[in-house]
Amino acid sequence: MGDGSGSIRNLTFDGLSFRVAFDANINLQISPYENEAIASSGRSMIKKTLRSPNAEGVTVLANPLEQEQLRSLSERLEPFPMSVELADGSIYRTTGWIDYPGVETEENRAELMIIPDRAIDAWSLFAAG
């Protein structure tokens, strides 16, 4: 795995590639657990609550045709495959859905959320060599 970081190189939803804005900063929640301590009179107890390991801040640049593709994808009931390629060439893959609230017309920017279809083992990493 490389030590580089930076702009996202590629984003696919169900085999369709979308342009990611180079200033996008995706918040990729890899861990399925939210951890907190429960205080007691002795040692604290750990509380692990499952959460949806979503990816937020997925900013794409989409022309009107691509906006329609995103709308259609967001309306699906069945999960579909998706991937995010990082700057170092590593790829995270999952299956799930997207939340697509709409587009900002000044730059055709759409901020999406990726919603995996499972909490445990939602993301698979294919590390760059």
Protein backbone atom coordinates (compact mmCIF):
# COMPACT_ATOMS: atom_id res chain seq x y z
CA MET A 1 0.00 0.00 0.00
CA GLY A 2 1.32 3.41 -0.91
CA ASP A 3 1.93 6.21 1.54
CA GLY A 4 0.42 8.84 -0.76
CA SER A 5 -2.79 10.73 -0.19
CA GLY A 6 -4.76 13.26 -2.17
CA SER A 7 -7.49 13.45 -4.78
CA ILE A 8 -9.77 10.50 -5.51
CA ARG A 9 -8.79 8.85 -8.81
CA ASN A 10 -12.01 7.01 -9.70
CA LEU A 11 -15.54 6.35 -8.49
CA THR A 12 -17.88 3.71 -9.90
CA PHE A 13 -21.50 2.86 -9.21
CA ASP A 14 -22.75 -0.36 -10.80
CA GLY A 15 -19.95 -0.21 -13.38
CA LEU A 16 -20.54 3.45 -14.31
CA SER A 17 -17.64 5.83 -13.69
CA PHE A 18 -18.32 9.31 -12.34
CA ARG A 19 -16.03 12.33 -12.15
CA VAL A 20 -14.98 13.16 -8.62
CA ALA A 21 -14.15 16.78 -7.84
CA PHE A 22 -10.43 16.97 -7.05
CA ASP A 23 -11.15 18.94 -3.89
CA ALA A 24 -13.53 16.24 -2.59
CA ASN A 25 -12.66 15.02 0.89
CA ILE A 26 -14.54 11.78 1.46
CA ASN A 27 -15.20 10.79 5.06
CA LEU A 28 -14.94 7.01 4.75
CA GLN A 29 -16.21 5.29 7.89
CA ILE A 30 -14.40 1.96 7.67
CA SER A 31 -15.13 0.73 11.18
CA PRO A 32 -18.60 -0.70 11.73
CA TYR A 33 -18.51 0.18 15.43
CA GLU A 34 -19.06 3.29 17.45
CA ASN A 35 -17.06 2.84 20.66
CA GLU A 36 -17.66 4.45 24.00
CA ALA A 37 -16.81 3.70 27.60
CA ILE A 38 -19.41 3.09 30.29
CA ALA A 39 -18.06 4.46 33.56
CA SER A 40 -18.37 2.42 36.73
CA SER A 41 -16.94 2.31 40.25
CA GLY A 42 -14.18 0.07 38.86
CA ARG A 43 -12.82 -0.30 35.36
CA SER A 44 -14.93 1.11 32.56
CA MET A 45 -16.86 -1.25 30.30
CA ILE A 46 -16.58 -0.84 26.53
CA LYS A 47 -19.80 -0.38 24.61
CA LYS A 48 -19.62 -1.24 20.89
CA THR A 49 -22.64 -0.14 18.89
CA LEU A 50 -23.00 -1.14 15.25
CA ARG A 51 -23.37 1.72 12.80
CA SER A 52 -23.69 1.99 9.06
CA PRO A 53 -20.14 2.60 7.75
CA ASN A 54 -21.21 5.28 5.27
CA ALA A 55 -18.96 7.39 3.07
CA GLU A 56 -19.95 11.05 3.21
CA GLY A 57 -18.73 14.05 1.22
CA VAL A 58 -18.55 12.17 -2.07
CA THR A 59 -18.54 15.17 -4.42
CA VAL A 60 -19.04 14.41 -8.10
CA LEU A 61 -19.25 16.67 -11.13
CA ALA A 62 -22.21 15.53 -13.20
CA ASN A 63 -23.73 16.82 -16.42
CA PRO A 64 -27.52 16.51 -16.84
CA LEU A 65 -27.30 12.96 -18.28
CA GLU A 66 -25.08 11.84 -15.39
CA GLN A 67 -27.46 13.56 -12.95
CA GLU A 68 -30.27 11.38 -14.33
CA GLN A 69 -28.08 8.29 -13.91
CA LEU A 70 -27.41 9.25 -10.28
CA ARG A 71 -31.13 9.88 -9.68
CA SER A 72 -31.96 6.47 -11.12
CA LEU A 73 -29.28 4.76 -9.02
CA SER A 74 -30.54 6.49 -5.86
CA GLU A 75 -34.07 5.17 -6.47
CA ARG A 76 -33.03 1.50 -6.61
CA LEU A 77 -34.22 -0.87 -3.94
CA GLU A 78 -31.59 -3.54 -4.60
CA PRO A 79 -27.97 -2.86 -3.60
CA PHE A 80 -25.36 -2.49 -6.35
CA PRO A 81 -21.54 -2.64 -6.46
CA MET A 82 -19.45 0.49 -6.06
CA SER A 83 -15.80 1.41 -5.63
CA VAL A 84 -13.60 4.33 -4.66
CA GLU A 85 -10.00 4.49 -5.92
CA LEU A 86 -7.70 6.51 -3.69
CA ALA A 87 -4.76 8.67 -4.77
CA ASP A 88 -2.24 5.87 -4.13
CA GLY A 89 -4.19 3.43 -6.33
CA SER A 90 -5.78 1.49 -3.46
CA ILE A 91 -9.44 0.65 -3.99
CA TYR A 92 -12.25 0.31 -1.47
CA ARG A 93 -15.25 -1.72 -2.68
CA THR A 94 -18.69 -2.29 -1.24
CA THR A 95 -22.27 -2.97 -2.26
CA GLY A 96 -25.13 -0.75 -1.21
CA TRP A 97 -27.02 2.36 -2.17
CA ILE A 98 -26.41 6.07 -2.62
CA ASP A 99 -28.20 9.10 -1.27
CA TYR A 100 -28.38 11.72 -4.01
CA PRO A 101 -30.19 14.86 -2.82
CA GLY A 102 -29.60 16.84 -6.02
CA VAL A 103 -27.10 19.01 -7.82
CA GLU A 104 -25.65 22.50 -7.42
CA THR A 105 -26.01 24.03 -10.90
CA GLU A 106 -23.20 26.59 -10.76
CA GLU A 107 -20.58 23.83 -11.13
CA ASN A 108 -22.81 20.76 -11.63
CA ARG A 109 -21.65 19.49 -8.23
CA ALA A 110 -23.52 16.79 -6.41
CA GLU A 111 -22.61 15.68 -2.91
CA LEU A 112 -23.51 12.04 -2.38
CA MET A 113 -23.45 9.58 0.47
CA ILE A 114 -22.55 5.92 -0.04
CA ILE A 115 -24.60 3.62 2.19
CA PRO A 116 -23.23 0.05 2.41
CA ASP A 117 -25.76 -2.77 2.65
CA ARG A 118 -24.10 -4.26 5.75
CA ALA A 119 -22.26 -2.99 8.81
CA ILE A 120 -19.80 -5.86 9.34
CA ASP A 121 -17.22 -6.26 6.55
CA ALA A 122 -18.89 -3.54 4.48
CA TRP A 123 -15.67 -2.29 2.83
CA SER A 124 -13.07 -4.47 1.11
CA LEU A 125 -9.64 -2.95 0.58
CA PHE A 126 -7.56 -3.83 -2.45
CA ALA A 127 -4.27 -2.17 -1.53
CA ALA A 128 -1.94 -0.73 -4.13
CA GLY A 129 1.31 -2.68 -4.46
